[in-house]
Each structure stands twice: as structure tokens, then as C-alpha cells.
């Protein structure tokens, strides 16, 4: 199993985890998906990378 799949497999279903995931999903939708009109998949991938890099 790859590292990402292992991380998902070990994510415990707690309300705090759900809260963080849902908050990230909401912010990602409102800040990225609604704001940008992507012309290519590479452009979408680059903007996603920049967004996630800014979070950490």
C-alpha cells in the first residue's frame, strides 16, 4: 500500500478529524474551485500545489 493510502487507512473516524477535513474541503472549494477558471489540468495542479504550500 502506498504512503497516502496507508495514511487514509489509519485515519480514525473521530469528529475532530471530520471537522478538519470538512473545513479544508470548504476552504478549498471557496478559495480555489470557485475563484479560478482552469484552462488545463496542469494549471489546476499548479494552483492546487501553491494553495496547499501556503497552508503549511
C-alpha atoms as a PDB file:
ATOM      1  CA  UNK A   1       0.000   0.000   0.000  1.00  0.00           C
ATOM      2  CA  UNK A   2       1.347   3.454  -0.827  1.00  0.00           C
ATOM      3  CA  UNK A   3       2.016   6.023   1.885  1.00  0.00           C
ATOM      4  CA  UNK A   4      -1.072   8.093   1.064  1.00  0.00           C
ATOM      5  CA  UNK A   5      -3.333   5.056   1.185  1.00  0.00           C
ATOM      6  CA  UNK A   6      -1.809   3.979   4.490  1.00  0.00           C
ATOM      7  CA  UNK A   7      -2.468   7.438   5.929  1.00  0.00           C
ATOM      8  CA  UNK A   8      -6.090   7.239   4.827  1.00  0.00           C
ATOM      9  CA  UNK A   9      -6.413   3.708   6.205  1.00  0.00           C
ATOM     10  CA  UNK A  10      -5.119   4.865   9.608  1.00  0.00           C
ATOM     11  CA  UNK A  11      -7.312   7.965   9.827  1.00  0.00           C
ATOM     12  CA  UNK A  12      -9.512   7.352  12.809  1.00  0.00           C
ATOM     13  CA  UNK A  13     -13.159   8.353  12.369  1.00  0.00           C
ATOM     14  CA  UNK A  14     -13.316  10.995  15.080  1.00  0.00           C
ATOM     15  CA  UNK A  15     -15.372  14.146  14.975  1.00  0.00           C
ATOM     16  CA  UNK A  16     -12.255  16.338  15.173  1.00  0.00           C
ATOM     17  CA  UNK A  17     -10.769  14.651  12.099  1.00  0.00           C
ATOM     18  CA  UNK A  18     -14.046  15.102  10.227  1.00  0.00           C
ATOM     19  CA  UNK A  19     -14.138  18.759  11.237  1.00  0.00           C
ATOM     20  CA  UNK A  20     -10.649  19.447   9.887  1.00  0.00           C
ATOM     21  CA  UNK A  21     -11.335  17.596   6.647  1.00  0.00           C
ATOM     22  CA  UNK A  22     -14.640  19.353   6.092  1.00  0.00           C
ATOM     23  CA  UNK A  23     -13.076  22.742   6.845  1.00  0.00           C
ATOM     24  CA  UNK A  24     -10.291  22.075   4.350  1.00  0.00           C
ATOM     25  CA  UNK A  25     -12.815  20.961   1.727  1.00  0.00           C
ATOM     26  CA  UNK A  26     -14.921  24.101   2.258  1.00  0.00           C
ATOM     27  CA  UNK A  27     -11.935  26.438   2.065  1.00  0.00           C
ATOM     28  CA  UNK A  28     -10.570  24.630  -0.992  1.00  0.00           C
ATOM     29  CA  UNK A  29     -13.923  24.902  -2.780  1.00  0.00           C
ATOM     30  CA  UNK A  30     -14.435  28.584  -1.989  1.00  0.00           C
ATOM     31  CA  UNK A  31     -10.826  29.744  -2.409  1.00  0.00           C
ATOM     32  CA  UNK A  32      -9.760  27.655  -5.402  1.00  0.00           C
ATOM     33  CA  UNK A  33     -12.504  25.892  -7.307  1.00  0.00           C
ATOM     34  CA  UNK A  34     -14.964  28.799  -7.369  1.00  0.00           C
ATOM     35  CA  UNK A  35     -12.342  31.516  -7.834  1.00  0.00           C
ATOM     36  CA  UNK A  36     -10.309  30.118 -10.749  1.00  0.00           C
ATOM     37  CA  UNK A  37     -11.264  29.089 -14.261  1.00  0.00           C
ATOM     38  CA  UNK A  38      -8.767  26.388 -15.195  1.00  0.00           C
ATOM     39  CA  UNK A  39      -7.747  26.017 -18.827  1.00  0.00           C
ATOM     40  CA  UNK A  40      -5.631  22.890 -18.410  1.00  0.00           C
ATOM     41  CA  UNK A  41      -5.169  20.132 -15.884  1.00  0.00           C
ATOM     42  CA  UNK A  42      -1.574  21.265 -15.344  1.00  0.00           C
ATOM     43  CA  UNK A  43      -2.790  24.749 -14.443  1.00  0.00           C
ATOM     44  CA  UNK A  44      -5.234  23.300 -11.911  1.00  0.00           C
ATOM     45  CA  UNK A  45      -2.494  21.111 -10.450  1.00  0.00           C
ATOM     46  CA  UNK A  46      -0.105  24.058 -10.122  1.00  0.00           C
ATOM     47  CA  UNK A  47      -2.681  26.237  -8.352  1.00  0.00           C
ATOM     48  CA  UNK A  48      -3.564  23.341  -6.030  1.00  0.00           C
ATOM     49  CA  UNK A  49       0.125  22.918  -5.161  1.00  0.00           C
ATOM     50  CA  UNK A  50       0.516  26.634  -4.412  1.00  0.00           C
ATOM     51  CA  UNK A  51      -2.616  26.622  -2.233  1.00  0.00           C
ATOM     52  CA  UNK A  52      -1.503  23.627  -0.174  1.00  0.00           C
ATOM     53  CA  UNK A  53       2.048  25.015   0.120  1.00  0.00           C
ATOM     54  CA  UNK A  54       0.626  28.245   1.542  1.00  0.00           C
ATOM     55  CA  UNK A  55      -1.216  26.281   4.243  1.00  0.00           C
ATOM     56  CA  UNK A  56       1.948  24.649   5.540  1.00  0.00           C
END
